[in-house]
């Protein structure tokens, strides 16, 4: 995992928004099986967070405050990734197709789609390098399509499917600040001096193991 300390040299102090108890300031280790994690809380109310989990690397910088028995993290402004719907066109008869444009280095196999119907449960589909292709039941055609990037817990808006325009839907993925967590007063519970963060379906326990390191 990449070092997280270089930011200290360039960190700009911001006015305190709430309490920043000296007892909470320091370096926290959140490593656990299959995951590397670090958190730094500084006395001026700034934080730096980083996680490496499988193929995922995530980081964030911003402000922290103590509210009751929780530490709340708020990221510096980020431009979140997004899915852009490009339009519809006719597909081969009896077939639904989804196409997705993604930047080089981002495999389409990381993406999923969910289709909804009038008379049955939603259906999930995993993208391949050629997109998604599904047969259409003419008695219960798909009504909406929604794209996901589960690795980063990202989801697009549902797109209504207009049969008159065809069943080939095209999308583009814009990564923007992909890999930068967009915390918005995200709570971390205090538990016997540790900080607990719910992330990626897991509880990350950060244990304070030292003071804030000096800038490199």
N, C-alpha and C. Protein backbone atom coordinates (compact mmCIF):
# COMPACT_ATOMS: atom_id res chain seq x y z
N UNK A 1 0.84 -1.19 0.00
CA UNK A 1 0.00 0.00 0.00
C UNK A 1 0.88 1.24 0.00
N UNK A 2 0.46 2.21 -0.80
CA UNK A 2 1.26 3.42 -0.91
C UNK A 2 1.28 4.17 0.43
N UNK A 3 2.39 4.85 0.77
CA UNK A 3 2.46 5.63 2.02
C UNK A 3 1.41 6.73 2.01
N UNK A 4 0.92 7.06 3.17
CA UNK A 4 -0.14 8.05 3.28
C UNK A 4 0.33 9.35 3.91
N UNK A 5 1.65 9.50 4.10
CA UNK A 5 2.10 10.60 4.93
C UNK A 5 2.54 11.83 4.14
N UNK A 6 2.71 11.72 2.83
CA UNK A 6 3.25 12.84 2.07
C UNK A 6 2.32 14.05 2.11
N UNK A 7 1.03 13.79 2.33
CA UNK A 7 0.08 14.91 2.33
C UNK A 7 0.35 15.90 3.45
N UNK A 8 1.02 15.47 4.51
CA UNK A 8 1.22 16.35 5.66
C UNK A 8 2.05 17.58 5.29
N UNK A 9 2.98 17.41 4.38
CA UNK A 9 3.85 18.53 4.01
C UNK A 9 3.07 19.64 3.34
N UNK A 10 1.99 19.26 2.64
CA UNK A 10 1.24 20.26 1.89
C UNK A 10 -0.11 20.59 2.53
N UNK A 11 -0.39 20.01 3.68
CA UNK A 11 -1.70 20.20 4.29
C UNK A 11 -1.88 21.64 4.74
N UNK A 12 -3.05 22.19 4.46
CA UNK A 12 -3.38 23.55 4.85
C UNK A 12 -4.35 23.49 6.01
N UNK A 13 -4.00 24.09 7.12
CA UNK A 13 -4.86 24.04 8.29
C UNK A 13 -6.16 24.79 8.02
N UNK A 14 -7.26 24.24 8.52
CA UNK A 14 -8.56 24.89 8.37
C UNK A 14 -9.14 25.16 9.74
N UNK A 15 -10.04 26.14 9.87
CA UNK A 15 -10.60 26.46 11.18
C UNK A 15 -11.34 25.27 11.76
N UNK A 16 -11.29 25.12 13.06
CA UNK A 16 -11.99 24.02 13.71
C UNK A 16 -13.49 24.21 13.56
N UNK A 17 -14.17 23.12 13.19
CA UNK A 17 -15.62 23.16 13.06
C UNK A 17 -16.30 22.60 14.29
N UNK A 18 -15.61 21.82 15.08
CA UNK A 18 -16.14 21.24 16.30
C UNK A 18 -14.95 20.78 17.12
N UNK A 19 -15.19 19.89 18.08
CA UNK A 19 -14.12 19.45 18.94
C UNK A 19 -13.12 18.58 18.20
N UNK A 20 -11.84 18.78 18.51
CA UNK A 20 -10.78 17.93 18.00
C UNK A 20 -9.93 17.48 19.19
N UNK A 21 -10.44 16.54 19.98
CA UNK A 21 -9.76 16.16 21.22
C UNK A 21 -8.37 15.63 20.95
N UNK A 22 -7.42 16.07 21.77
CA UNK A 22 -6.04 15.64 21.59
C UNK A 22 -5.90 14.13 21.72
N UNK A 23 -6.78 13.51 22.49
CA UNK A 23 -6.68 12.05 22.69
C UNK A 23 -6.99 11.27 21.42
N UNK A 24 -7.67 11.90 20.46
CA UNK A 24 -8.00 11.20 19.22
C UNK A 24 -7.00 11.47 18.10
N UNK A 25 -6.18 12.48 18.26
CA UNK A 25 -5.20 12.82 17.23
C UNK A 25 -4.14 11.73 17.16
N UNK A 26 -3.82 11.31 15.93
CA UNK A 26 -2.77 10.31 15.79
C UNK A 26 -2.91 9.48 14.54
N UNK A 27 -2.07 8.45 14.46
CA UNK A 27 -2.07 7.50 13.35
C UNK A 27 -2.81 6.24 13.78
N UNK A 28 -3.70 5.75 12.90
CA UNK A 28 -4.51 4.57 13.17
C UNK A 28 -4.24 3.50 12.13
N UNK A 29 -4.13 2.27 12.60
CA UNK A 29 -3.91 1.12 11.73
C UNK A 29 -5.22 0.34 11.64
N UNK A 30 -5.67 0.10 10.41
CA UNK A 30 -6.91 -0.65 10.21
C UNK A 30 -6.71 -1.93 9.44
N UNK A 31 -5.47 -2.43 9.39
CA UNK A 31 -5.20 -3.64 8.62
C UNK A 31 -5.98 -4.83 9.17
N UNK A 32 -6.50 -5.65 8.27
CA UNK A 32 -7.14 -6.90 8.60
C UNK A 32 -6.97 -7.84 7.43
N UNK A 33 -7.50 -9.04 7.54
CA UNK A 33 -7.30 -10.03 6.49
C UNK A 33 -7.74 -9.49 5.13
N UNK A 34 -6.84 -9.56 4.15
CA UNK A 34 -7.09 -9.15 2.76
C UNK A 34 -7.28 -7.65 2.60
N UNK A 35 -6.99 -6.88 3.64
CA UNK A 35 -7.22 -5.43 3.55
C UNK A 35 -6.12 -4.68 4.28
N UNK A 36 -5.59 -3.65 3.64
CA UNK A 36 -4.70 -2.70 4.29
C UNK A 36 -5.44 -1.39 4.47
N UNK A 37 -5.34 -0.78 5.64
CA UNK A 37 -6.08 0.45 5.90
C UNK A 37 -5.32 1.32 6.90
N UNK A 38 -5.32 2.62 6.66
CA UNK A 38 -4.68 3.58 7.55
C UNK A 38 -5.54 4.83 7.65
N UNK A 39 -5.45 5.49 8.79
CA UNK A 39 -6.18 6.73 9.03
C UNK A 39 -5.29 7.64 9.88
N UNK A 40 -5.24 8.92 9.52
CA UNK A 40 -4.51 9.91 10.29
C UNK A 40 -5.48 11.04 10.65
N UNK A 41 -5.55 11.36 11.94
CA UNK A 41 -6.32 12.51 12.42
C UNK A 41 -5.33 13.52 12.98
N UNK A 42 -5.40 14.75 12.51
CA UNK A 42 -4.48 15.78 12.99
C UNK A 42 -5.21 16.79 13.87
N UNK A 43 -4.43 17.52 14.66
CA UNK A 43 -5.00 18.42 15.66
C UNK A 43 -5.75 19.59 15.04
N UNK A 44 -5.48 19.92 13.78
CA UNK A 44 -6.17 21.04 13.14
C UNK A 44 -7.47 20.61 12.48
N UNK A 45 -7.90 19.38 12.73
CA UNK A 45 -9.19 18.94 12.21
C UNK A 45 -9.14 18.35 10.82
N UNK A 46 -7.95 17.96 10.37
CA UNK A 46 -7.81 17.33 9.07
C UNK A 46 -7.62 15.82 9.23
N UNK A 47 -7.98 15.07 8.17
CA UNK A 47 -7.74 13.64 8.18
C UNK A 47 -7.22 13.19 6.83
N UNK A 48 -6.57 12.04 6.83
CA UNK A 48 -6.19 11.35 5.60
C UNK A 48 -6.47 9.88 5.82
N UNK A 49 -7.16 9.28 4.85
CA UNK A 49 -7.62 7.90 4.94
C UNK A 49 -7.19 7.16 3.69
N UNK A 50 -6.83 5.88 3.83
CA UNK A 50 -6.50 5.07 2.67
C UNK A 50 -6.79 3.61 2.93
N UNK A 51 -7.30 2.93 1.90
CA UNK A 51 -7.61 1.50 1.99
C UNK A 51 -7.16 0.83 0.70
N UNK A 52 -6.57 -0.35 0.84
CA UNK A 52 -6.27 -1.23 -0.29
C UNK A 52 -6.97 -2.55 0.00
N UNK A 53 -7.89 -2.91 -0.88
CA UNK A 53 -8.74 -4.10 -0.66
C UNK A 53 -8.89 -4.83 -1.99
N UNK A 54 -8.13 -5.90 -2.17
CA UNK A 54 -8.15 -6.60 -3.45
C UNK A 54 -7.64 -5.68 -4.55
N UNK A 55 -8.43 -5.54 -5.61
CA UNK A 55 -8.04 -4.68 -6.72
C UNK A 55 -8.41 -3.22 -6.48
N UNK A 56 -8.98 -2.92 -5.33
CA UNK A 56 -9.48 -1.58 -5.03
C UNK A 56 -8.47 -0.80 -4.20
N UNK A 57 -8.20 0.44 -4.61
CA UNK A 57 -7.45 1.40 -3.81
C UNK A 57 -8.34 2.63 -3.63
N UNK A 58 -8.52 3.05 -2.38
CA UNK A 58 -9.38 4.20 -2.09
C UNK A 58 -8.68 5.10 -1.09
N UNK A 59 -8.83 6.40 -1.27
CA UNK A 59 -8.24 7.35 -0.33
C UNK A 59 -9.15 8.56 -0.20
N UNK A 60 -8.90 9.33 0.82
CA UNK A 60 -9.67 10.56 1.02
C UNK A 60 -8.89 11.49 1.94
N UNK A 61 -9.09 12.79 1.75
CA UNK A 61 -8.59 13.83 2.64
C UNK A 61 -9.75 14.75 2.94
N UNK A 62 -9.72 15.38 4.10
CA UNK A 62 -10.79 16.31 4.44
C UNK A 62 -10.73 16.72 5.89
N UNK A 63 -11.90 16.94 6.48
CA UNK A 63 -12.00 17.41 7.85
C UNK A 63 -12.70 16.37 8.72
N UNK A 64 -12.34 16.36 10.00
CA UNK A 64 -13.01 15.49 10.95
C UNK A 64 -13.46 16.29 12.16
N UNK A 65 -14.57 15.84 12.74
CA UNK A 65 -15.09 16.45 13.96
C UNK A 65 -15.59 15.35 14.87
N UNK A 66 -15.65 15.66 16.15
CA UNK A 66 -16.25 14.76 17.13
C UNK A 66 -17.66 15.25 17.42
N UNK A 67 -18.64 14.39 17.18
CA UNK A 67 -20.04 14.70 17.47
C UNK A 67 -20.57 13.59 18.37
N UNK A 68 -20.73 13.91 19.64
CA UNK A 68 -21.19 12.91 20.58
C UNK A 68 -20.17 11.79 20.71
N UNK A 69 -20.60 10.57 20.42
CA UNK A 69 -19.69 9.42 20.51
C UNK A 69 -19.24 8.95 19.13
N UNK A 70 -19.25 9.88 18.17
CA UNK A 70 -18.84 9.55 16.80
C UNK A 70 -17.82 10.56 16.29
N UNK A 71 -16.87 10.07 15.52
CA UNK A 71 -16.03 10.93 14.70
C UNK A 71 -16.63 10.96 13.31
N UNK A 72 -16.85 12.15 12.77
CA UNK A 72 -17.45 12.29 11.45
C UNK A 72 -16.41 12.80 10.46
N UNK A 73 -16.35 12.13 9.31
CA UNK A 73 -15.41 12.49 8.24
C UNK A 73 -16.16 13.17 7.11
N UNK A 74 -15.61 14.28 6.62
CA UNK A 74 -16.15 14.96 5.45
C UNK A 74 -15.01 15.22 4.48
N UNK A 75 -15.12 14.65 3.30
CA UNK A 75 -14.05 14.76 2.31
C UNK A 75 -13.95 16.16 1.72
N UNK A 76 -12.74 16.52 1.28
CA UNK A 76 -12.60 17.67 0.42
C UNK A 76 -13.42 17.42 -0.85
N UNK A 77 -13.86 18.49 -1.55
CA UNK A 77 -14.71 18.28 -2.72
C UNK A 77 -14.08 17.33 -3.75
N UNK A 78 -14.88 16.41 -4.24
CA UNK A 78 -14.45 15.50 -5.29
C UNK A 78 -15.50 15.52 -6.39
N UNK A 79 -15.07 15.16 -7.60
CA UNK A 79 -16.00 14.99 -8.71
C UNK A 79 -16.28 13.50 -8.84
N UNK A 80 -17.47 13.08 -8.44
CA UNK A 80 -17.73 11.64 -8.41
C UNK A 80 -17.79 11.03 -9.80
N UNK A 81 -17.46 9.75 -9.91
CA UNK A 81 -17.64 9.05 -11.19
C UNK A 81 -19.13 9.05 -11.58
N UNK A 82 -19.38 8.84 -12.85
CA UNK A 82 -20.79 8.79 -13.26
C UNK A 82 -20.95 7.96 -14.52
N UNK A 83 -22.16 7.45 -14.69
CA UNK A 83 -22.56 6.76 -15.91
C UNK A 83 -23.38 7.73 -16.75
N UNK A 84 -23.04 7.85 -18.02
CA UNK A 84 -23.76 8.73 -18.94
C UNK A 84 -24.51 7.87 -19.95
N UNK A 85 -25.81 8.08 -20.05
CA UNK A 85 -26.62 7.36 -21.02
C UNK A 85 -26.49 8.06 -22.37
N UNK A 86 -26.07 7.30 -23.38
CA UNK A 86 -25.81 7.87 -24.70
C UNK A 86 -26.97 7.73 -25.67
N UNK A 87 -27.87 6.79 -25.41
CA UNK A 87 -29.02 6.65 -26.30
C UNK A 87 -29.36 5.21 -26.62
N UNK A 88 -30.40 5.05 -27.42
CA UNK A 88 -30.91 3.74 -27.84
C UNK A 88 -30.92 3.63 -29.35
N UNK A 89 -30.84 2.38 -29.81
CA UNK A 89 -31.00 2.09 -31.22
C UNK A 89 -31.51 0.66 -31.35
N UNK A 90 -31.96 0.27 -32.54
CA UNK A 90 -32.46 -1.10 -32.70
C UNK A 90 -31.37 -2.13 -32.47
N UNK A 91 -31.76 -3.23 -31.84
CA UNK A 91 -30.88 -4.37 -31.62
C UNK A 91 -31.37 -5.54 -32.48
N UNK A 92 -30.57 -6.59 -32.63
CA UNK A 92 -31.06 -7.78 -33.33
C UNK A 92 -32.38 -8.25 -32.72
N UNK A 93 -33.25 -8.76 -33.54
CA UNK A 93 -34.60 -9.14 -33.10
C UNK A 93 -34.55 -10.06 -31.89
N UNK A 94 -35.41 -9.72 -30.91
CA UNK A 94 -35.52 -10.56 -29.74
C UNK A 94 -34.36 -10.45 -28.76
N UNK A 95 -33.54 -9.40 -28.89
CA UNK A 95 -32.34 -9.28 -28.07
C UNK A 95 -32.25 -7.90 -27.43
N UNK A 96 -31.83 -7.88 -26.18
CA UNK A 96 -31.45 -6.64 -25.51
C UNK A 96 -29.94 -6.58 -25.46
N UNK A 97 -29.37 -5.44 -25.80
CA UNK A 97 -27.93 -5.27 -25.71
C UNK A 97 -27.61 -3.99 -24.95
N UNK A 98 -26.56 -4.08 -24.15
CA UNK A 98 -26.02 -2.92 -23.44
C UNK A 98 -24.57 -2.77 -23.82
N UNK A 99 -24.19 -1.56 -24.24
CA UNK A 99 -22.80 -1.24 -24.57
C UNK A 99 -22.29 -0.20 -23.59
N UNK A 100 -21.01 -0.32 -23.24
CA UNK A 100 -20.43 0.60 -22.29
C UNK A 100 -19.04 1.02 -22.75
N UNK A 101 -18.80 2.33 -22.81
CA UNK A 101 -17.48 2.86 -23.10
C UNK A 101 -16.79 3.16 -21.77
N UNK A 102 -15.58 2.64 -21.60
CA UNK A 102 -14.80 2.88 -20.38
C UNK A 102 -13.38 3.24 -20.76
N UNK A 103 -12.70 4.04 -19.96
CA UNK A 103 -11.32 4.43 -20.28
C UNK A 103 -10.39 3.21 -20.30
N UNK A 104 -9.28 3.32 -21.02
CA UNK A 104 -8.29 2.23 -21.01
C UNK A 104 -7.85 1.90 -19.59
N UNK A 105 -7.68 0.64 -19.34
CA UNK A 105 -7.24 0.20 -18.02
C UNK A 105 -8.37 -0.16 -17.08
N UNK A 106 -9.61 0.16 -17.45
CA UNK A 106 -10.77 -0.21 -16.63
C UNK A 106 -11.54 -1.29 -17.38
N UNK A 107 -11.46 -2.51 -16.90
CA UNK A 107 -12.09 -3.64 -17.58
C UNK A 107 -13.60 -3.55 -17.47
N UNK A 108 -14.29 -3.86 -18.56
CA UNK A 108 -15.75 -3.88 -18.53
C UNK A 108 -16.27 -4.98 -17.61
N UNK A 109 -15.43 -5.96 -17.33
CA UNK A 109 -15.88 -7.06 -16.48
C UNK A 109 -16.04 -6.66 -15.03
N UNK A 110 -15.65 -5.43 -14.68
CA UNK A 110 -15.90 -4.92 -13.33
C UNK A 110 -17.33 -4.41 -13.17
N UNK A 111 -18.06 -4.25 -14.27
CA UNK A 111 -19.37 -3.60 -14.25
C UNK A 111 -20.51 -4.61 -14.28
N UNK A 112 -21.60 -4.22 -13.65
CA UNK A 112 -22.83 -5.01 -13.66
C UNK A 112 -23.98 -4.16 -14.17
N UNK A 113 -25.06 -4.83 -14.56
CA UNK A 113 -26.30 -4.16 -14.91
C UNK A 113 -27.45 -4.88 -14.23
N UNK A 114 -28.49 -4.14 -13.92
CA UNK A 114 -29.72 -4.72 -13.38
C UNK A 114 -30.88 -4.26 -14.25
N UNK A 115 -31.67 -5.23 -14.72
CA UNK A 115 -32.85 -4.97 -15.54
C UNK A 115 -34.10 -5.18 -14.70
N UNK A 116 -35.10 -4.33 -14.89
CA UNK A 116 -36.37 -4.50 -14.20
C UNK A 116 -37.46 -4.83 -15.21
N UNK A 117 -38.52 -5.50 -14.71
CA UNK A 117 -39.61 -5.97 -15.54
C UNK A 117 -40.93 -5.70 -14.85
N UNK A 118 -42.00 -5.80 -15.60
CA UNK A 118 -43.33 -5.54 -15.04
C UNK A 118 -43.84 -6.71 -14.22
N UNK A 119 -43.48 -7.94 -14.61
CA UNK A 119 -44.13 -9.11 -14.02
C UNK A 119 -43.17 -10.11 -13.39
N UNK A 120 -41.92 -9.74 -13.21
CA UNK A 120 -40.99 -10.64 -12.54
C UNK A 120 -39.89 -9.83 -11.84
N UNK A 121 -39.10 -10.54 -11.07
CA UNK A 121 -38.07 -9.90 -10.27
C UNK A 121 -36.97 -9.32 -11.16
N UNK A 122 -36.26 -8.29 -10.67
CA UNK A 122 -35.12 -7.75 -11.43
C UNK A 122 -34.09 -8.83 -11.74
N UNK A 123 -33.38 -8.61 -12.83
CA UNK A 123 -32.38 -9.58 -13.30
C UNK A 123 -31.03 -8.90 -13.42
N UNK A 124 -30.02 -9.51 -12.83
CA UNK A 124 -28.67 -8.97 -12.90
C UNK A 124 -27.89 -9.55 -14.06
N UNK A 125 -26.92 -8.79 -14.53
CA UNK A 125 -26.07 -9.25 -15.64
C UNK A 125 -24.68 -8.66 -15.46
N UNK A 126 -23.66 -9.45 -15.74
CA UNK A 126 -22.28 -9.00 -15.66
C UNK A 126 -21.79 -8.63 -17.07
N UNK A 127 -21.15 -7.49 -17.19
CA UNK A 127 -20.60 -7.09 -18.48
C UNK A 127 -19.43 -7.99 -18.86
N UNK A 128 -19.30 -8.25 -20.14
CA UNK A 128 -18.10 -8.85 -20.71
C UNK A 128 -17.43 -7.79 -21.57
N UNK A 129 -16.36 -8.16 -22.21
CA UNK A 129 -15.68 -7.21 -23.09
C UNK A 129 -16.56 -6.80 -24.27
N UNK A 130 -17.63 -7.53 -24.49
CA UNK A 130 -18.55 -7.22 -25.59
C UNK A 130 -19.86 -6.63 -25.08
N UNK A 131 -19.91 -6.29 -23.81
CA UNK A 131 -21.13 -5.71 -23.26
C UNK A 131 -22.04 -6.76 -22.64
N UNK A 132 -23.33 -6.50 -22.73
CA UNK A 132 -24.35 -7.41 -22.21
C UNK A 132 -25.32 -7.74 -23.33
N UNK A 133 -25.67 -9.01 -23.44
CA UNK A 133 -26.67 -9.43 -24.42
C UNK A 133 -27.62 -10.41 -23.73
N UNK A 134 -28.93 -10.13 -23.82
CA UNK A 134 -29.94 -10.96 -23.19
C UNK A 134 -31.12 -11.15 -24.14
N UNK A 135 -31.71 -12.36 -24.16
CA UNK A 135 -32.93 -12.54 -24.94
C UNK A 135 -34.09 -11.79 -24.29
N UNK A 136 -35.03 -11.35 -25.11
CA UNK A 136 -36.19 -10.61 -24.62
C UNK A 136 -37.42 -11.50 -24.64
N UNK A 137 -38.13 -11.55 -23.54
CA UNK A 137 -39.44 -12.20 -23.48
C UNK A 137 -40.46 -11.18 -23.95
N UNK A 138 -41.06 -11.41 -25.10
CA UNK A 138 -41.96 -10.41 -25.67
C UNK A 138 -43.17 -10.14 -24.78
N UNK A 139 -43.51 -11.10 -23.90
CA UNK A 139 -44.64 -10.90 -23.00
C UNK A 139 -44.25 -10.09 -21.76
N UNK A 140 -42.98 -9.96 -21.50
CA UNK A 140 -42.51 -9.21 -20.34
C UNK A 140 -41.14 -8.61 -20.64
N UNK A 141 -41.09 -7.62 -21.53
CA UNK A 141 -39.80 -7.04 -21.92
C UNK A 141 -39.22 -6.19 -20.79
N UNK A 142 -37.93 -5.92 -20.82
CA UNK A 142 -37.31 -5.09 -19.78
C UNK A 142 -37.83 -3.66 -19.83
N UNK A 143 -37.99 -3.08 -18.63
CA UNK A 143 -38.52 -1.72 -18.52
C UNK A 143 -37.42 -0.69 -18.26
N UNK A 144 -36.44 -1.07 -17.43
CA UNK A 144 -35.35 -0.15 -17.11
C UNK A 144 -34.03 -0.91 -17.05
N UNK A 145 -32.95 -0.16 -17.22
CA UNK A 145 -31.60 -0.71 -17.07
C UNK A 145 -30.82 0.23 -16.16
N UNK A 146 -30.03 -0.36 -15.26
CA UNK A 146 -29.24 0.43 -14.33
C UNK A 146 -27.85 -0.17 -14.22
N UNK A 147 -26.82 0.65 -14.31
CA UNK A 147 -25.43 0.16 -14.29
C UNK A 147 -24.80 0.37 -12.92
N UNK A 148 -23.88 -0.54 -12.60
CA UNK A 148 -23.21 -0.54 -11.31
C UNK A 148 -21.72 -0.80 -11.50
N UNK A 149 -20.93 -0.26 -10.58
CA UNK A 149 -19.53 -0.64 -10.41
C UNK A 149 -19.38 -1.09 -8.97
N UNK A 150 -19.68 -2.38 -8.69
CA UNK A 150 -19.75 -2.85 -7.30
C UNK A 150 -18.46 -2.64 -6.51
N UNK A 151 -17.33 -2.73 -7.16
CA UNK A 151 -16.06 -2.59 -6.46
C UNK A 151 -15.98 -1.29 -5.66
N UNK A 152 -16.56 -0.22 -6.22
CA UNK A 152 -16.54 1.08 -5.57
C UNK A 152 -17.92 1.49 -5.05
N UNK A 153 -18.84 0.54 -5.01
CA UNK A 153 -20.19 0.80 -4.53
C UNK A 153 -20.84 1.96 -5.30
N UNK A 154 -20.62 2.00 -6.61
CA UNK A 154 -21.18 3.04 -7.46
C UNK A 154 -22.39 2.52 -8.22
N UNK A 155 -23.38 3.37 -8.36
CA UNK A 155 -24.56 2.99 -9.13
C UNK A 155 -25.05 4.17 -9.95
N UNK A 156 -25.48 3.87 -11.17
CA UNK A 156 -26.04 4.90 -12.03
C UNK A 156 -27.53 5.04 -11.79
N UNK A 157 -28.12 6.00 -12.46
CA UNK A 157 -29.56 6.19 -12.38
C UNK A 157 -30.27 5.18 -13.30
N UNK A 158 -31.46 4.69 -12.89
CA UNK A 158 -32.21 3.80 -13.79
C UNK A 158 -32.57 4.53 -15.08
N UNK A 159 -32.43 3.84 -16.19
CA UNK A 159 -32.76 4.40 -17.50
C UNK A 159 -33.98 3.65 -18.04
N UNK A 160 -35.03 4.39 -18.35
CA UNK A 160 -36.23 3.78 -18.92
C UNK A 160 -35.97 3.36 -20.36
N UNK A 161 -36.44 2.18 -20.70
CA UNK A 161 -36.24 1.64 -22.04
C UNK A 161 -37.48 1.92 -22.88
N UNK A 162 -37.30 2.63 -23.96
CA UNK A 162 -38.39 2.97 -24.88
C UNK A 162 -38.38 1.97 -26.03
N UNK A 163 -39.36 1.05 -26.07
CA UNK A 163 -39.36 0.03 -27.14
C UNK A 163 -39.36 0.63 -28.54
N UNK A 164 -39.94 1.83 -28.69
CA UNK A 164 -40.01 2.44 -30.01
C UNK A 164 -38.64 2.83 -30.54
N UNK A 165 -37.66 3.01 -29.63
CA UNK A 165 -36.32 3.41 -30.05
C UNK A 165 -35.38 2.23 -30.21
N UNK A 166 -35.79 1.06 -29.74
CA UNK A 166 -34.94 -0.11 -29.88
C UNK A 166 -34.38 -0.57 -28.55
N UNK A 167 -33.78 -1.76 -28.56
CA UNK A 167 -33.31 -2.39 -27.34
C UNK A 167 -31.79 -2.49 -27.27
N UNK A 168 -31.12 -1.57 -27.91
CA UNK A 168 -29.67 -1.49 -27.78
C UNK A 168 -29.35 -0.17 -27.08
N UNK A 169 -28.94 -0.25 -25.84
CA UNK A 169 -28.67 0.94 -25.03
C UNK A 169 -27.16 1.12 -24.89
N UNK A 170 -26.73 2.36 -25.06
CA UNK A 170 -25.30 2.67 -24.97
C UNK A 170 -25.03 3.62 -23.81
N UNK A 171 -23.92 3.35 -23.11
CA UNK A 171 -23.52 4.15 -21.95
C UNK A 171 -22.04 4.50 -22.04
N UNK A 172 -21.64 5.50 -21.27
CA UNK A 172 -20.22 5.84 -21.11
C UNK A 172 -19.95 5.99 -19.61
N UNK A 173 -18.82 5.43 -19.18
CA UNK A 173 -18.41 5.60 -17.78
C UNK A 173 -17.33 6.67 -17.70
N UNK A 174 -17.58 7.70 -16.89
CA UNK A 174 -16.62 8.78 -16.68
C UNK A 174 -16.04 8.63 -15.28
N UNK A 175 -14.75 8.25 -15.14
CA UNK A 175 -14.20 7.95 -13.82
C UNK A 175 -14.02 9.17 -12.93
N UNK A 176 -13.74 10.33 -13.51
CA UNK A 176 -13.52 11.55 -12.72
C UNK A 176 -12.58 11.26 -11.55
N UNK A 177 -13.05 11.43 -10.30
CA UNK A 177 -12.18 11.19 -9.13
C UNK A 177 -12.38 9.78 -8.57
N UNK A 178 -12.47 8.82 -9.45
CA UNK A 178 -12.60 7.43 -9.01
C UNK A 178 -11.45 7.07 -8.07
N UNK A 179 -11.78 6.43 -6.97
CA UNK A 179 -10.77 6.06 -5.99
C UNK A 179 -10.64 7.04 -4.85
N UNK A 180 -11.37 8.17 -4.93
CA UNK A 180 -11.40 9.14 -3.82
C UNK A 180 -12.76 9.03 -3.14
N UNK A 181 -12.75 8.64 -1.88
CA UNK A 181 -14.00 8.46 -1.15
C UNK A 181 -14.69 9.81 -0.92
N UNK A 182 -15.98 9.84 -1.15
CA UNK A 182 -16.76 11.06 -0.97
C UNK A 182 -17.52 10.96 0.36
N UNK A 183 -16.79 11.18 1.46
CA UNK A 183 -17.42 11.14 2.78
C UNK A 183 -18.18 12.44 3.03
N UNK A 184 -19.36 12.30 3.58
CA UNK A 184 -20.18 13.47 3.90
C UNK A 184 -20.75 13.28 5.30
N UNK A 185 -20.02 13.81 6.28
CA UNK A 185 -20.35 13.58 7.69
C UNK A 185 -20.51 12.09 7.96
N UNK A 186 -19.64 11.29 7.35
CA UNK A 186 -19.69 9.84 7.52
C UNK A 186 -19.24 9.47 8.93
N UNK A 187 -20.07 8.73 9.66
CA UNK A 187 -19.75 8.47 11.06
C UNK A 187 -18.78 7.32 11.25
N UNK A 188 -17.93 7.48 12.26
CA UNK A 188 -17.07 6.40 12.75
C UNK A 188 -17.35 6.26 14.24
N UNK A 189 -17.83 5.11 14.64
CA UNK A 189 -18.17 4.90 16.04
C UNK A 189 -16.92 4.74 16.88
N UNK A 190 -16.94 5.25 18.09
CA UNK A 190 -15.86 5.08 19.05
C UNK A 190 -16.12 3.82 19.87
N UNK A 191 -15.14 2.95 19.94
CA UNK A 191 -15.28 1.71 20.69
C UNK A 191 -13.98 1.41 21.42
N UNK A 192 -13.93 1.74 22.71
CA UNK A 192 -12.76 1.48 23.54
C UNK A 192 -11.48 2.07 22.93
N UNK A 193 -11.61 3.28 22.40
CA UNK A 193 -10.47 3.96 21.80
C UNK A 193 -10.26 3.68 20.34
N UNK A 194 -10.92 2.66 19.80
CA UNK A 194 -10.83 2.37 18.38
C UNK A 194 -11.92 3.13 17.62
N UNK A 195 -11.71 3.31 16.32
CA UNK A 195 -12.70 3.94 15.44
C UNK A 195 -13.19 2.90 14.45
N UNK A 196 -14.52 2.77 14.33
CA UNK A 196 -15.13 1.76 13.48
C UNK A 196 -15.79 2.42 12.27
N UNK A 197 -15.41 2.00 11.08
CA UNK A 197 -15.96 2.53 9.84
C UNK A 197 -16.62 1.40 9.06
N UNK A 198 -17.90 1.59 8.69
CA UNK A 198 -18.59 0.62 7.85
C UNK A 198 -18.30 0.95 6.39
N UNK A 199 -17.64 0.01 5.69
CA UNK A 199 -17.21 0.27 4.32
C UNK A 199 -17.13 -1.04 3.55
N UNK A 200 -17.66 -1.08 2.34
CA UNK A 200 -17.58 -2.24 1.47
C UNK A 200 -18.16 -3.49 2.13
N UNK A 201 -19.23 -3.30 2.89
CA UNK A 201 -19.87 -4.42 3.54
C UNK A 201 -19.08 -5.01 4.69
N UNK A 202 -18.07 -4.28 5.16
CA UNK A 202 -17.24 -4.76 6.26
C UNK A 202 -17.10 -3.64 7.30
N UNK A 203 -16.73 -4.04 8.50
CA UNK A 203 -16.40 -3.08 9.54
C UNK A 203 -14.88 -2.97 9.63
N UNK A 204 -14.36 -1.78 9.35
CA UNK A 204 -12.93 -1.55 9.47
C UNK A 204 -12.67 -0.97 10.85
N UNK A 205 -11.88 -1.67 11.64
CA UNK A 205 -11.54 -1.21 12.99
C UNK A 205 -10.16 -0.54 12.95
N UNK A 206 -10.16 0.77 13.20
CA UNK A 206 -8.91 1.52 13.23
C UNK A 206 -8.43 1.63 14.68
N UNK A 207 -7.23 1.14 14.92
CA UNK A 207 -6.63 1.17 16.26
C UNK A 207 -5.49 2.18 16.28
N UNK A 208 -5.54 3.11 17.20
CA UNK A 208 -4.49 4.13 17.28
C UNK A 208 -3.18 3.47 17.70
N UNK A 209 -2.15 3.62 16.86
CA UNK A 209 -0.88 2.97 17.14
C UNK A 209 0.31 3.93 17.18
N UNK A 210 0.02 5.24 17.17
CA UNK A 210 1.12 6.18 17.23
C UNK A 210 0.67 7.61 17.01
N UNK A 211 1.63 8.52 17.13
CA UNK A 211 1.36 9.93 16.89
C UNK A 211 1.35 10.22 15.39
N UNK A 212 0.91 11.44 15.05
CA UNK A 212 0.96 11.87 13.66
C UNK A 212 2.43 11.92 13.23
N UNK A 213 2.79 11.23 12.15
CA UNK A 213 4.20 11.24 11.73
C UNK A 213 4.60 12.59 11.18
N UNK A 214 5.87 12.96 11.30
CA UNK A 214 6.33 14.24 10.74
C UNK A 214 6.32 14.19 9.23
N UNK A 215 6.17 15.34 8.56
CA UNK A 215 6.22 15.37 7.09
C UNK A 215 7.54 14.83 6.58
N UNK A 216 7.46 14.14 5.43
CA UNK A 216 8.69 13.61 4.82
C UNK A 216 9.38 14.68 4.00
